Amino acid sequence: MIQLVIGLNVVIALLGFGLAWRIWRLKRTLTSATVVIAAWERHVHGLLDSQTTPALILQGQRATASTRQRYFQLQRQLQQLQRIFAIALMILRFWPQGSRRPQHRP
């Protein structure tokens, strides 16, 4: 009976050590992730400085507005070209095909 109790205690102790080892590995992983995230946060904070960020955002907004305006201009030009080509196609369809006349056979 004592051997059974000692055996169970050893199994429980081994399971505890295994669990402790996994927790220790998880702690190591989380610590390294924390270091990486902290470094990234410092880098981003340096990029998004309160003095330069508003100017960069305004510059981006102006560029977006300019691009949007240019897009609408190109869209209008494309519509005009489509109309011109449609008219040209209609003219080519109804334009007489030379002096060929259908021959009537008696």
Protein backbone atom coordinates (compact mmCIF):
# COMPACT_ATOMS: atom_id res chain seq x y z
CA MET A 1 0.00 0.00 0.00
CA ILE A 2 2.83 2.39 0.81
CA GLN A 3 4.37 1.64 -2.56
CA LEU A 4 1.11 2.69 -4.24
CA VAL A 5 1.01 5.97 -2.31
CA ILE A 6 4.67 6.69 -3.07
CA GLY A 7 4.10 5.85 -6.74
CA LEU A 8 1.10 8.18 -6.93
CA ASN A 9 3.10 10.93 -5.20
CA VAL A 10 5.93 10.52 -7.70
CA VAL A 11 3.47 10.68 -10.64
CA ILE A 12 1.80 13.78 -9.17
CA ALA A 13 5.22 15.38 -8.58
CA LEU A 14 6.29 14.64 -12.18
CA LEU A 15 3.06 16.14 -13.51
CA GLY A 16 3.68 19.21 -11.32
CA PHE A 17 7.23 19.56 -12.62
CA GLY A 18 6.01 19.20 -16.21
CA LEU A 19 3.36 21.85 -15.63
CA ALA A 20 5.92 24.15 -13.97
CA TRP A 21 8.30 23.68 -16.92
CA ARG A 22 5.56 24.58 -19.43
CA ILE A 23 4.61 27.65 -17.40
CA TRP A 24 8.27 28.69 -17.29
CA ARG A 25 8.51 28.36 -21.10
CA LEU A 26 5.31 30.38 -21.52
CA LYS A 27 6.75 33.08 -19.24
CA ARG A 28 9.91 33.21 -21.36
CA THR A 29 7.89 33.52 -24.56
CA LEU A 30 5.66 36.24 -23.12
CA THR A 31 8.70 38.14 -21.84
CA SER A 32 10.35 38.15 -25.27
CA ALA A 33 7.05 39.19 -26.88
CA THR A 34 6.78 42.02 -24.36
CA VAL A 35 10.27 43.25 -25.24
CA VAL A 36 9.45 43.23 -28.96
CA ILE A 37 6.12 45.02 -28.45
CA ALA A 38 7.72 47.64 -26.21
CA ALA A 39 10.41 48.33 -28.83
CA TRP A 40 7.75 48.59 -31.53
CA GLU A 41 5.72 50.98 -29.36
CA ARG A 42 8.77 53.21 -28.84
CA HIS A 43 9.43 53.23 -32.58
CA VAL A 44 5.83 54.10 -33.44
CA HIS A 45 5.72 56.76 -30.74
CA GLY A 46 8.80 58.33 -32.33
CA LEU A 47 7.12 58.29 -35.74
CA LEU A 48 3.85 59.69 -34.47
CA ASP A 49 5.31 62.61 -32.62
CA SER A 50 2.64 65.15 -31.71
CA GLN A 51 4.46 67.90 -33.62
CA THR A 52 4.94 66.09 -36.94
CA THR A 53 1.90 63.82 -37.11
CA PRO A 54 -0.76 66.49 -37.85
CA ALA A 55 1.35 67.85 -40.70
CA LEU A 56 1.79 64.34 -42.15
CA ILE A 57 -1.94 63.63 -41.86
CA LEU A 58 -2.79 66.92 -43.60
CA GLN A 59 -0.27 66.15 -46.34
CA GLY A 60 -1.88 62.74 -46.84
CA GLN A 61 -5.35 64.27 -46.96
CA ARG A 62 -4.23 66.79 -49.59
CA ALA A 63 -2.65 64.04 -51.68
CA THR A 64 -5.82 61.96 -51.41
CA ALA A 65 -7.99 64.90 -52.48
CA SER A 66 -5.68 65.60 -55.41
CA THR A 67 -5.73 61.97 -56.50
CA ARG A 68 -9.52 61.85 -56.23
CA GLN A 69 -9.86 65.02 -58.32
CA ARG A 70 -7.51 63.64 -60.97
CA TYR A 71 -9.48 60.38 -61.01
CA PHE A 72 -12.74 62.23 -61.69
CA GLN A 73 -11.08 64.22 -64.49
CA LEU A 74 -9.83 61.01 -66.08
CA GLN A 75 -13.25 59.44 -65.67
CA ARG A 76 -14.86 62.37 -67.54
CA GLN A 77 -12.26 62.12 -70.31
CA LEU A 78 -12.90 58.39 -70.60
CA GLN A 79 -16.64 59.00 -70.96
CA GLN A 80 -15.97 61.57 -73.69
CA LEU A 81 -13.74 59.11 -75.54
CA GLN A 82 -16.38 56.41 -75.24
CA ARG A 83 -18.97 58.75 -76.74
CA ILE A 84 -16.60 59.69 -79.59
CA PHE A 85 -15.91 56.04 -80.37
CA ALA A 86 -19.62 55.20 -80.23
CA ILE A 87 -20.38 57.97 -82.72
CA ALA A 88 -17.51 56.86 -84.95
CA LEU A 89 -18.83 53.30 -84.92
CA MET A 90 -22.32 54.46 -85.85
CA ILE A 91 -20.90 56.50 -88.73
CA LEU A 92 -18.90 53.53 -89.97
CA ARG A 93 -21.95 51.26 -89.83
CA PHE A 94 -24.18 53.57 -91.84
CA TRP A 95 -21.55 54.95 -94.22
CA PRO A 96 -22.05 53.72 -97.75
CA GLN A 97 -19.70 50.88 -98.59
CA GLY A 98 -18.48 52.32 -101.88
CA SER A 99 -20.29 51.94 -105.16
CA ARG A 100 -21.25 48.33 -104.68
CA ARG A 101 -24.89 47.86 -105.37
CA PRO A 102 -26.73 44.63 -104.98
CA GLN A 103 -27.19 42.99 -108.35
CA HIS A 104 -30.66 41.88 -109.23
CA ARG A 105 -30.90 38.67 -111.16
CA PRO A 106 -33.92 38.15 -113.22
